[in-house]
Every structure is written in structure tokens, then in C-alpha cells.
Amino acid sequence: MFTARRAEKRLPATIVAVTAVVIAAIRLSVPSFPAARDFEECAEWAREISLGSERTARIMDCGARFAGRRKLGGGYAYYDLLQNRSFDIAGPNPTADERARIYSEYIRFLELQRREAALAEVEHLAVEQPQAETPVSLRSPTAKTSKLKPCTINGSLSCTWMKFTSAVRNALAANSKAEAPTNSR
């Protein structure tokens, strides 16, 4: 009699445990997504099946599975966040060729950004360092006027090259003047 009472007390707990296992098995056997063709179908299914935060998580999974979005006139578009522009693609995910094209466009985009930044830097330096012209009346009459423009951007390759060639010319000229009296004797 004592064991019969224990069995009666364990029966509801066993039923609850078995029911929980069956529900978990059924839930795990149901695929999280049906065979969706694209993001829109996947997201629609997630909206119908799920509620609350589970719905949000499933829609985010749809976004991870499908990079492209359906266009109104047909076809798909892939939005590249780094370039802030969309690309037409054949299916819900870009093919290897389409990814290569998008990547080459991104490299071109970065090159244009770099060039624009360099031009802006040059323009900024040109504004910061305006050319100070010496009035004609203050120039010494014996000073030679150079055919070359003075350097506008200090440290640039052309400015450095001009300074270097000028220093070499001056050194050679000074050397030839120093040797001239000794050769005449």
C-alpha cells in the first residue's frame, strides 16, 4: 500500500515531464523557416508565426540569410552600407561575380574619397599659406629673378626638389669660384 501511494504521487510529475519532452521535440523538429525564396517571404513567415522579441530575432535571421531585397518592378537590389548605394543583383543573394563587381566599385569609391581628401588638404594648405609678394620697389636691383615660382606648399616633392637642385647649383658655383684663382696661376 505504501508503494502504491508513492506511484500515485509520481504519476502527475511523470506526465508533466513526458509532456514537456514531447513539446520540446515537436518544437525542435519544426524548421525555424520554411523554404523561403527571399527576405520578404522569410520575414512574412516570421511575422505570422512569432510574437514579440522572437519575431524580431527571426526577422533578423531572415536578414542574415538574404542580403538582397525585392524591387517593385522585379529583380533584387543589394544595399551596400559602406558606399551608401544600391546595386542590382539577379537573386536574393549576390553571386560571386556580383560580389566581385561590388567590391571593385568599393575600391573605386575609396580611391575617389582619398583623392577628394587630398585635394581638400592641398586647398586648405594653399589658403593657410598665401604667397607674400615683395613689391618691385623693395627688390634689390642686383638680385636675379628666378624663372621658377616659389614653393607654395612647404614639404611637397616639387618644393623639396627645387631646394635641392638650387643647393647643388650653389655648391657647384661656389666650388668653381674657389678653384678659378688656383687654376689661373
N, C-alpha and C. Protein backbone atom coordinates (compact mmCIF):
# COMPACT_ATOMS: atom_id res chain seq x y z
N MET A 1 0.81 -1.17 0.00
CA MET A 1 0.00 0.00 0.00
C MET A 1 0.88 1.27 0.00
N PHE A 2 1.97 1.18 0.70
CA PHE A 2 2.86 2.32 0.79
C PHE A 2 3.46 2.66 -0.58
N THR A 3 3.80 1.69 -1.37
CA THR A 3 4.37 1.92 -2.70
C THR A 3 3.32 2.39 -3.69
N ALA A 4 2.08 2.05 -3.52
CA ALA A 4 1.01 2.50 -4.41
C ALA A 4 0.81 3.99 -4.27
N ARG A 5 0.89 4.48 -3.03
CA ARG A 5 0.73 5.93 -2.82
C ARG A 5 1.89 6.71 -3.47
N ARG A 6 3.07 6.17 -3.36
CA ARG A 6 4.23 6.84 -3.98
C ARG A 6 4.07 6.88 -5.49
N ALA A 7 3.60 5.79 -6.07
CA ALA A 7 3.39 5.74 -7.51
C ALA A 7 2.33 6.74 -7.94
N GLU A 8 1.27 6.92 -7.12
CA GLU A 8 0.23 7.89 -7.44
C GLU A 8 0.79 9.32 -7.40
N LYS A 9 1.72 9.59 -6.48
CA LYS A 9 2.31 10.94 -6.40
C LYS A 9 3.27 11.21 -7.55
N ARG A 10 3.93 10.16 -8.03
CA ARG A 10 4.90 10.33 -9.11
C ARG A 10 4.23 10.40 -10.48
N LEU A 11 3.04 9.88 -10.62
CA LEU A 11 2.36 9.83 -11.91
C LEU A 11 2.15 11.22 -12.51
N PRO A 12 1.64 12.22 -11.78
CA PRO A 12 1.49 13.56 -12.38
C PRO A 12 2.82 14.18 -12.77
N ALA A 13 3.86 13.99 -11.98
CA ALA A 13 5.18 14.54 -12.31
C ALA A 13 5.73 13.88 -13.57
N THR A 14 5.50 12.60 -13.70
CA THR A 14 5.96 11.88 -14.89
C THR A 14 5.22 12.36 -16.13
N ILE A 15 3.93 12.57 -16.00
CA ILE A 15 3.12 13.05 -17.13
C ILE A 15 3.60 14.44 -17.55
N VAL A 16 3.87 15.31 -16.60
CA VAL A 16 4.35 16.66 -16.91
C VAL A 16 5.70 16.58 -17.60
N ALA A 17 6.61 15.73 -17.13
CA ALA A 17 7.94 15.60 -17.72
C ALA A 17 7.85 15.06 -19.14
N VAL A 18 7.04 14.03 -19.35
CA VAL A 18 6.89 13.45 -20.69
C VAL A 18 6.26 14.47 -21.63
N THR A 19 5.27 15.19 -21.16
CA THR A 19 4.63 16.22 -21.99
C THR A 19 5.64 17.29 -22.38
N ALA A 20 6.47 17.73 -21.45
CA ALA A 20 7.48 18.74 -21.74
C ALA A 20 8.47 18.23 -22.78
N VAL A 21 8.87 16.96 -22.67
CA VAL A 21 9.80 16.39 -23.64
C VAL A 21 9.15 16.30 -25.02
N VAL A 22 7.89 15.91 -25.09
CA VAL A 22 7.19 15.80 -26.37
C VAL A 22 7.05 17.18 -27.01
N ILE A 23 6.69 18.18 -26.23
CA ILE A 23 6.54 19.55 -26.77
C ILE A 23 7.88 20.06 -27.28
N ALA A 24 8.94 19.82 -26.52
CA ALA A 24 10.27 20.27 -26.95
C ALA A 24 10.69 19.56 -28.24
N ALA A 25 10.40 18.26 -28.33
CA ALA A 25 10.76 17.51 -29.54
C ALA A 25 9.99 18.02 -30.75
N ILE A 26 8.71 18.31 -30.55
CA ILE A 26 7.90 18.83 -31.66
C ILE A 26 8.42 20.20 -32.08
N ARG A 27 8.70 21.03 -31.11
CA ARG A 27 9.18 22.39 -31.39
C ARG A 27 10.52 22.36 -32.11
N LEU A 28 11.40 21.44 -31.70
CA LEU A 28 12.71 21.35 -32.34
C LEU A 28 12.64 20.72 -33.73
N SER A 29 11.66 19.86 -33.97
CA SER A 29 11.57 19.21 -35.26
C SER A 29 10.97 20.12 -36.33
N VAL A 30 10.25 21.15 -35.92
CA VAL A 30 9.67 22.09 -36.88
C VAL A 30 10.79 23.03 -37.31
N PRO A 31 11.03 23.14 -38.61
CA PRO A 31 12.10 24.05 -39.05
C PRO A 31 11.77 25.49 -38.66
N SER A 32 12.82 26.22 -38.36
CA SER A 32 12.60 27.60 -37.94
C SER A 32 12.11 28.46 -39.10
N PHE A 33 12.44 28.09 -40.33
CA PHE A 33 11.99 28.81 -41.51
C PHE A 33 11.53 27.81 -42.55
N PRO A 34 10.43 28.07 -43.20
CA PRO A 34 10.09 27.21 -44.32
C PRO A 34 11.03 27.52 -45.48
N ALA A 35 10.88 26.89 -46.56
CA ALA A 35 11.75 27.12 -47.72
C ALA A 35 11.40 28.46 -48.36
N ALA A 36 11.84 29.52 -47.72
CA ALA A 36 11.57 30.86 -48.24
C ALA A 36 12.50 31.14 -49.41
N ARG A 37 11.98 31.83 -50.42
CA ARG A 37 12.77 32.16 -51.60
C ARG A 37 13.59 33.42 -51.41
N ASP A 38 13.12 34.34 -50.57
CA ASP A 38 13.83 35.60 -50.38
C ASP A 38 13.47 36.19 -49.02
N PHE A 39 14.05 37.36 -48.74
CA PHE A 39 13.86 38.01 -47.45
C PHE A 39 12.39 38.29 -47.18
N GLU A 40 11.67 38.76 -48.16
CA GLU A 40 10.28 39.15 -47.95
C GLU A 40 9.42 37.96 -47.54
N GLU A 41 9.60 36.81 -48.18
CA GLU A 41 8.84 35.61 -47.79
C GLU A 41 9.22 35.15 -46.39
N CYS A 42 10.51 35.17 -46.11
CA CYS A 42 11.01 34.73 -44.80
C CYS A 42 10.46 35.64 -43.70
N ALA A 43 10.51 36.94 -43.93
CA ALA A 43 10.04 37.90 -42.92
C ALA A 43 8.53 37.78 -42.73
N GLU A 44 7.78 37.56 -43.79
CA GLU A 44 6.33 37.39 -43.68
C GLU A 44 6.00 36.16 -42.84
N TRP A 45 6.72 35.08 -43.09
CA TRP A 45 6.50 33.86 -42.30
C TRP A 45 6.83 34.12 -40.83
N ALA A 46 7.91 34.84 -40.57
CA ALA A 46 8.30 35.14 -39.18
C ALA A 46 7.23 36.01 -38.51
N ARG A 47 6.63 36.94 -39.23
CA ARG A 47 5.59 37.79 -38.66
C ARG A 47 4.34 36.98 -38.31
N GLU A 48 4.02 35.99 -39.14
CA GLU A 48 2.81 35.18 -38.90
C GLU A 48 3.00 34.20 -37.75
N ILE A 49 4.17 33.63 -37.60
CA ILE A 49 4.40 32.57 -36.62
C ILE A 49 4.80 33.11 -35.25
N SER A 50 5.61 34.14 -35.21
CA SER A 50 6.23 34.57 -33.95
C SER A 50 5.59 35.82 -33.38
N LEU A 51 5.87 36.04 -32.10
CA LEU A 51 5.42 37.25 -31.41
C LEU A 51 6.58 37.88 -30.67
N GLY A 52 6.53 39.19 -30.51
CA GLY A 52 7.46 39.92 -29.65
C GLY A 52 8.90 39.81 -30.08
N SER A 53 9.77 39.55 -29.09
CA SER A 53 11.21 39.53 -29.35
C SER A 53 11.61 38.34 -30.23
N GLU A 54 10.84 37.25 -30.17
CA GLU A 54 11.13 36.11 -31.03
C GLU A 54 10.92 36.50 -32.49
N ARG A 55 9.90 37.29 -32.76
CA ARG A 55 9.63 37.76 -34.13
C ARG A 55 10.80 38.59 -34.63
N THR A 56 11.28 39.49 -33.78
CA THR A 56 12.41 40.34 -34.16
C THR A 56 13.64 39.50 -34.46
N ALA A 57 13.90 38.51 -33.62
CA ALA A 57 15.06 37.64 -33.83
C ALA A 57 14.94 36.87 -35.14
N ARG A 58 13.75 36.38 -35.43
CA ARG A 58 13.55 35.61 -36.67
C ARG A 58 13.68 36.51 -37.90
N ILE A 59 13.19 37.74 -37.82
CA ILE A 59 13.33 38.66 -38.95
C ILE A 59 14.81 39.02 -39.16
N MET A 60 15.54 39.16 -38.07
CA MET A 60 16.98 39.42 -38.18
C MET A 60 17.70 38.23 -38.82
N ASP A 61 17.25 37.02 -38.49
CA ASP A 61 17.81 35.83 -39.14
C ASP A 61 17.52 35.85 -40.64
N CYS A 62 16.34 36.31 -41.00
CA CYS A 62 15.99 36.42 -42.43
C CYS A 62 16.96 37.40 -43.11
N GLY A 63 17.25 38.49 -42.44
CA GLY A 63 18.18 39.47 -42.99
C GLY A 63 19.57 38.90 -43.15
N ALA A 64 19.97 38.01 -42.24
CA ALA A 64 21.29 37.37 -42.35
C ALA A 64 21.32 36.35 -43.49
N ARG A 65 20.20 35.70 -43.75
CA ARG A 65 20.14 34.68 -44.81
C ARG A 65 20.06 35.29 -46.20
N PHE A 66 19.36 36.43 -46.31
CA PHE A 66 19.13 37.04 -47.62
C PHE A 66 19.63 38.48 -47.62
N ALA A 67 20.65 38.77 -48.44
CA ALA A 67 21.23 40.11 -48.49
C ALA A 67 20.42 41.06 -49.37
N GLY A 68 19.80 40.52 -50.42
CA GLY A 68 19.06 41.36 -51.36
C GLY A 68 17.63 41.58 -50.91
N ARG A 69 17.02 42.64 -51.43
CA ARG A 69 15.61 42.95 -51.17
C ARG A 69 14.89 43.05 -52.50
N ARG A 70 13.66 42.60 -52.51
CA ARG A 70 12.84 42.61 -53.72
C ARG A 70 12.60 44.05 -54.17
N LYS A 71 12.69 44.28 -55.49
CA LYS A 71 12.37 45.59 -56.04
C LYS A 71 10.94 45.58 -56.56
N LEU A 72 10.31 46.74 -56.62
CA LEU A 72 8.92 46.83 -57.08
C LEU A 72 8.74 46.32 -58.49
N GLY A 73 9.61 46.65 -59.39
CA GLY A 73 9.47 46.25 -60.79
C GLY A 73 9.98 44.84 -61.08
N GLY A 74 10.43 44.13 -60.06
CA GLY A 74 11.01 42.80 -60.25
C GLY A 74 12.52 42.85 -60.05
N GLY A 75 13.08 41.72 -59.75
CA GLY A 75 14.51 41.66 -59.50
C GLY A 75 14.82 41.99 -58.05
N TYR A 76 16.10 42.09 -57.76
CA TYR A 76 16.55 42.35 -56.39
C TYR A 76 17.59 43.46 -56.36
N ALA A 77 17.68 44.11 -55.23
CA ALA A 77 18.68 45.15 -55.02
C ALA A 77 19.45 44.83 -53.74
N TYR A 78 20.76 45.06 -53.79
CA TYR A 78 21.62 44.87 -52.62
C TYR A 78 22.10 46.25 -52.20
N TYR A 79 21.88 46.61 -50.94
CA TYR A 79 22.30 47.91 -50.42
C TYR A 79 23.63 47.74 -49.71
N ASP A 80 24.63 48.48 -50.17
CA ASP A 80 25.94 48.47 -49.55
C ASP A 80 26.05 49.66 -48.62
N LEU A 81 26.09 49.40 -47.34
CA LEU A 81 26.13 50.45 -46.32
C LEU A 81 27.40 51.28 -46.41
N LEU A 82 28.53 50.66 -46.77
CA LEU A 82 29.80 51.39 -46.82
C LEU A 82 29.83 52.42 -47.94
N GLN A 83 29.15 52.13 -49.04
CA GLN A 83 29.13 53.06 -50.17
C GLN A 83 27.87 53.91 -50.18
N ASN A 84 26.91 53.57 -49.34
CA ASN A 84 25.64 54.27 -49.26
C ASN A 84 24.94 54.28 -50.62
N ARG A 85 24.90 53.08 -51.26
CA ARG A 85 24.22 52.96 -52.54
C ARG A 85 23.78 51.52 -52.76
N SER A 86 22.86 51.34 -53.70
CA SER A 86 22.31 50.01 -54.00
C SER A 86 22.85 49.50 -55.33
N PHE A 87 22.91 48.17 -55.44
CA PHE A 87 23.34 47.50 -56.65
C PHE A 87 22.24 46.53 -57.07
N ASP A 88 21.97 46.44 -58.37
CA ASP A 88 21.03 45.45 -58.88
C ASP A 88 21.71 44.09 -58.89
N ILE A 89 21.02 43.08 -58.36
CA ILE A 89 21.54 41.72 -58.37
C ILE A 89 20.48 40.79 -58.93
N ALA A 90 20.91 39.60 -59.36
CA ALA A 90 19.99 38.67 -60.04
C ALA A 90 19.06 37.96 -59.07
N GLY A 91 19.53 37.59 -57.90
CA GLY A 91 18.71 36.83 -56.97
C GLY A 91 18.71 37.45 -55.59
N PRO A 92 18.20 36.72 -54.59
CA PRO A 92 18.11 37.27 -53.24
C PRO A 92 19.47 37.44 -52.56
N ASN A 93 20.49 36.80 -53.07
CA ASN A 93 21.86 36.96 -52.57
C ASN A 93 22.78 37.21 -53.76
N PRO A 94 23.80 38.07 -53.61
CA PRO A 94 24.69 38.34 -54.73
C PRO A 94 25.51 37.10 -55.10
N THR A 95 25.72 36.90 -56.40
CA THR A 95 26.57 35.82 -56.86
C THR A 95 28.03 36.22 -56.66
N ALA A 96 28.95 35.30 -56.93
CA ALA A 96 30.38 35.60 -56.78
C ALA A 96 30.79 36.73 -57.72
N ASP A 97 30.28 36.73 -58.94
CA ASP A 97 30.60 37.81 -59.88
C ASP A 97 30.05 39.15 -59.41
N GLU A 98 28.83 39.12 -58.89
CA GLU A 98 28.22 40.36 -58.39
C GLU A 98 28.98 40.88 -57.16
N ARG A 99 29.41 39.99 -56.29
CA ARG A 99 30.21 40.42 -55.14
C ARG A 99 31.53 41.02 -55.58
N ALA A 100 32.16 40.43 -56.61
CA ALA A 100 33.41 40.98 -57.13
C ALA A 100 33.18 42.37 -57.73
N ARG A 101 32.07 42.56 -58.44
CA ARG A 101 31.76 43.87 -59.02
C ARG A 101 31.51 44.90 -57.91
N ILE A 102 30.78 44.51 -56.88
CA ILE A 102 30.51 45.42 -55.76
C ILE A 102 31.81 45.78 -55.05
N TYR A 103 32.69 44.80 -54.88
CA TYR A 103 33.97 45.06 -54.22
C TYR A 103 34.84 46.00 -55.06
N SER A 104 34.88 45.79 -56.39
CA SER A 104 35.67 46.69 -57.24
C SER A 104 35.11 48.11 -57.21
N GLU A 105 33.79 48.22 -57.16
CA GLU A 105 33.17 49.55 -57.03
C GLU A 105 33.55 50.19 -55.69
N TYR A 106 33.65 49.37 -54.65
CA TYR A 106 34.03 49.88 -53.33
C TYR A 106 35.47 50.38 -53.35
N ILE A 107 36.36 49.65 -54.01
CA ILE A 107 37.76 50.09 -54.13
C ILE A 107 37.81 51.42 -54.87
N ARG A 108 37.05 51.53 -55.96
CA ARG A 108 36.99 52.79 -56.72
C ARG A 108 36.44 53.92 -55.84
N PHE A 109 35.40 53.62 -55.06
CA PHE A 109 34.81 54.59 -54.15
C PHE A 109 35.85 55.08 -53.14
N LEU A 110 36.62 54.16 -52.57
CA LEU A 110 37.66 54.55 -51.60
C LEU A 110 38.73 55.42 -52.25
N GLU A 111 39.12 55.09 -53.49
CA GLU A 111 40.11 55.88 -54.20
C GLU A 111 39.60 57.30 -54.43
N LEU A 112 38.35 57.44 -54.83
CA LEU A 112 37.78 58.78 -55.02
C LEU A 112 37.73 59.55 -53.71
N GLN A 113 37.38 58.87 -52.63
CA GLN A 113 37.35 59.52 -51.32
C GLN A 113 38.74 60.00 -50.93
N ARG A 114 39.76 59.17 -51.20
CA ARG A 114 41.14 59.53 -50.86
C ARG A 114 41.58 60.74 -51.68
N ARG A 115 41.25 60.74 -52.97
CA ARG A 115 41.62 61.88 -53.83
C ARG A 115 40.94 63.16 -53.38
N GLU A 116 39.67 63.08 -53.06
CA GLU A 116 38.95 64.26 -52.60
C GLU A 116 39.55 64.80 -51.30
N ALA A 117 39.93 63.90 -50.41
CA ALA A 117 40.55 64.33 -49.14
C ALA A 117 41.90 64.99 -49.40
N ALA A 118 42.69 64.44 -50.33
CA ALA A 118 43.99 65.03 -50.65
C ALA A 118 43.81 66.41 -51.29
N LEU A 119 42.86 66.55 -52.20
CA LEU A 119 42.61 67.86 -52.81
C LEU A 119 42.15 68.88 -51.78
N ALA A 120 41.30 68.45 -50.88
CA ALA A 120 40.84 69.36 -49.82
C ALA A 120 42.01 69.79 -48.94
N GLU A 121 42.94 68.88 -48.67
CA GLU A 121 44.11 69.21 -47.86
C GLU A 121 45.00 70.21 -48.58
N VAL A 122 45.21 70.01 -49.89
CA VAL A 122 46.03 70.94 -50.67
C VAL A 122 45.37 72.31 -50.71
N GLU A 123 44.07 72.35 -50.92
CA GLU A 123 43.37 73.64 -50.95
C GLU A 123 43.45 74.32 -49.59
N HIS A 124 43.33 73.56 -48.54
CA HIS A 124 43.41 74.13 -47.18
C HIS A 124 44.80 74.72 -46.93
N LEU A 125 45.84 74.00 -47.34
CA LEU A 125 47.20 74.50 -47.15
C LEU A 125 47.45 75.73 -48.01
N ALA A 126 46.90 75.76 -49.21
CA ALA A 126 47.09 76.92 -50.08
C ALA A 126 46.43 78.15 -49.49
N VAL A 127 45.30 77.99 -48.85
CA VAL A 127 44.62 79.11 -48.22
C VAL A 127 45.37 79.55 -46.98
N GLU A 128 45.92 78.58 -46.23
CA GLU A 128 46.64 78.88 -44.99
C GLU A 128 47.94 79.62 -45.26
N GLN A 129 48.63 79.30 -46.38
CA GLN A 129 49.94 79.89 -46.66
C GLN A 129 49.89 80.71 -47.94
N PRO A 130 49.29 81.89 -47.90
CA PRO A 130 49.24 82.71 -49.12
C PRO A 130 50.63 83.21 -49.48
N GLN A 131 50.84 83.43 -50.76
CA GLN A 131 52.14 83.91 -51.24
C GLN A 131 52.30 85.38 -50.87
N ALA A 132 53.40 85.68 -50.22
CA ALA A 132 53.70 87.06 -49.87
C ALA A 132 54.61 87.61 -50.97
N GLU A 133 54.09 88.48 -51.77
CA GLU A 133 54.85 89.08 -52.87
C GLU A 133 55.64 90.27 -52.33
N THR A 134 56.87 90.35 -52.73
CA THR A 134 57.69 91.51 -52.37
C THR A 134 57.46 92.57 -53.42
N PRO A 135 57.15 93.79 -53.01
CA PRO A 135 56.93 94.83 -54.01
C PRO A 135 58.18 95.03 -54.87
N VAL A 136 57.99 95.41 -56.11
CA VAL A 136 59.10 95.58 -57.05
C VAL A 136 60.08 96.62 -56.56
N SER A 137 59.60 97.64 -55.92
CA SER A 137 60.48 98.72 -55.48
C SER A 137 61.39 98.27 -54.35
N LEU A 138 61.04 97.26 -53.58
CA LEU A 138 61.86 96.81 -52.47
C LEU A 138 62.88 95.75 -52.87
N ARG A 139 62.76 95.21 -54.07
CA ARG A 139 63.72 94.20 -54.51
C ARG A 139 65.06 94.86 -54.82
N SER A 140 66.11 94.10 -54.54
CA SER A 140 67.44 94.65 -54.82
C SER A 140 67.67 94.61 -56.33
N PRO A 141 68.30 95.60 -56.88
CA PRO A 141 68.48 95.66 -58.32
C PRO A 141 69.41 94.55 -58.83
N THR A 142 70.30 94.03 -57.98
CA THR A 142 71.25 93.01 -58.42
C THR A 142 70.70 91.60 -58.28
N ALA A 143 69.59 91.43 -57.53
CA ALA A 143 69.05 90.09 -57.31
C ALA A 143 68.46 89.54 -58.60
N LYS A 144 68.79 88.31 -58.89
CA LYS A 144 68.24 87.67 -60.08
C LYS A 144 66.80 87.27 -59.82
N THR A 145 65.98 87.42 -60.82
CA THR A 145 64.60 86.93 -60.69
C THR A 145 64.59 85.50 -61.19
N SER A 146 64.04 84.65 -60.39
CA SER A 146 64.01 83.23 -60.71
C SER A 146 62.90 82.95 -61.70
N LYS A 147 63.17 82.03 -62.63
CA LYS A 147 62.15 81.62 -63.57
C LYS A 147 61.11 80.73 -62.89
N LEU A 148 61.51 80.10 -61.79
CA LEU A 148 60.62 79.18 -61.09
C LEU A 148 59.80 79.91 -60.05
N LYS A 149 58.58 79.47 -59.88
CA LYS A 149 57.72 80.06 -58.86
C LYS A 149 58.20 79.60 -57.49
N PRO A 150 58.06 80.44 -56.47
CA PRO A 150 58.43 79.99 -55.13
C PRO A 150 57.48 78.88 -54.68
N CYS A 151 57.96 78.09 -53.76
CA CYS A 151 57.16 76.94 -53.29
C CYS A 151 55.90 77.42 -52.59
N THR A 152 54.79 76.85 -52.99
CA THR A 152 53.53 77.20 -52.34
C THR A 152 53.21 76.25 -51.21
N ILE A 153 53.68 75.02 -51.31
CA ILE A 153 53.40 74.04 -50.26
C ILE A 153 54.73 73.54 -49.73
N ASN A 154 55.08 73.96 -48.55
CA ASN A 154 56.33 73.53 -47.95
C ASN A 154 56.29 72.03 -47.69
N GLY A 155 57.37 71.35 -48.05
CA GLY A 155 57.44 69.92 -47.81
C GLY A 155 56.95 69.09 -48.98
N SER A 156 56.42 69.72 -50.03
CA SER A 156 55.95 68.96 -51.18
C SER A 156 57.16 68.48 -51.98
N LEU A 157 56.95 67.50 -52.82
CA LEU A 157 58.05 66.93 -53.60
C LEU A 157 58.65 67.97 -54.53
N SER A 158 57.82 68.76 -55.19
CA SER A 158 58.35 69.76 -56.13
C SER A 158 59.14 70.84 -55.40
N CYS A 159 58.67 71.25 -54.24
CA CYS A 159 59.36 72.27 -53.46
C CYS A 159 60.71 71.73 -52.96
N THR A 160 60.70 70.53 -52.46
CA THR A 160 61.93 69.90 -51.96
C THR A 160 62.93 69.73 -53.09
N TRP A 161 62.44 69.32 -54.28
CA TRP A 161 63.32 69.13 -55.42
C TRP A 161 63.94 70.47 -55.85
N MET A 162 63.14 71.54 -55.85
CA MET A 162 63.67 72.86 -56.22
C MET A 162 64.74 73.30 -55.24
N LYS A 163 64.52 73.11 -53.96
CA LYS A 163 65.52 73.49 -52.95
C LYS A 163 66.80 72.68 -53.11
N PHE A 164 66.64 71.38 -53.40
CA PHE A 164 67.80 70.51 -53.56
C PHE A 164 68.63 70.92 -54.77
N THR A 165 67.98 71.12 -55.92
CA THR A 165 68.72 71.49 -57.12
C THR A 165 69.38 72.87 -56.95
N SER A 166 68.72 73.77 -56.26
CA SER A 166 69.30 75.09 -56.00
C SER A 166 70.54 74.96 -55.13
N ALA A 167 70.49 74.11 -54.11
CA ALA A 167 71.64 73.92 -53.23
C ALA A 167 72.80 73.29 -53.99
N VAL A 168 72.52 72.36 -54.89
CA VAL A 168 73.59 71.73 -55.69
C VAL A 168 74.22 72.76 -56.61
N ARG A 169 73.39 73.57 -57.28
CA ARG A 169 73.92 74.60 -58.17
C ARG A 169 74.81 75.58 -57.40
N ASN A 170 74.33 76.01 -56.23
CA ASN A 170 75.11 76.95 -55.43
C ASN A 170 76.43 76.34 -54.98
N ALA A 171 76.40 75.06 -54.59
CA ALA A 171 77.63 74.39 -54.16
C ALA A 171 78.61 74.27 -55.32
N LEU A 172 78.11 73.92 -56.51
CA LEU A 172 78.99 73.81 -57.67
C LEU A 172 79.54 75.18 -58.07
N ALA A 173 78.69 76.20 -58.00
CA ALA A 173 79.13 77.55 -58.35
C ALA A 173 80.20 78.03 -57.36
N ALA A 174 80.01 77.78 -56.08
CA ALA A 174 80.99 78.19 -55.07
C ALA A 174 82.29 77.42 -55.26
N ASN A 175 82.19 76.18 -55.60
CA ASN A 175 83.37 75.34 -55.82
C ASN A 175 84.14 75.80 -57.04
N SER A 176 83.45 76.17 -58.10
CA SER A 176 84.13 76.61 -59.31
C SER A 176 84.78 77.98 -59.09
N LYS A 177 84.18 78.85 -58.29
CA LYS A 177 84.78 80.16 -57.98
C LYS A 177 86.01 79.99 -57.13
N ALA A 178 86.00 79.02 -56.21
CA ALA A 178 87.14 78.80 -55.34
C ALA A 178 88.30 78.20 -56.14
N GLU A 179 88.03 77.39 -57.13
CA GLU A 179 89.08 76.77 -57.92
C GLU A 179 89.61 77.71 -59.02
N ALA A 180 88.83 78.66 -59.43
CA ALA A 180 89.22 79.54 -60.55
C ALA A 180 90.55 80.25 -60.30
N PRO A 181 90.80 80.87 -59.14
CA PRO A 181 92.09 81.56 -58.95
C PRO A 181 93.28 80.59 -58.94
N THR A 182 93.12 79.39 -58.44
CA THR A 182 94.25 78.46 -58.38
C THR A 182 94.60 77.93 -59.77
N ASN A 183 93.63 77.82 -60.65
CA ASN A 183 93.89 77.31 -61.99
C ASN A 183 94.55 78.37 -62.87
N SER A 184 94.36 79.63 -62.59
CA SER A 184 94.89 80.70 -63.41
C SER A 184 96.39 80.88 -63.19
N ARG A 185 96.95 80.44 -62.10
CA ARG A 185 98.37 80.62 -61.81
C ARG A 185 99.18 79.75 -62.61
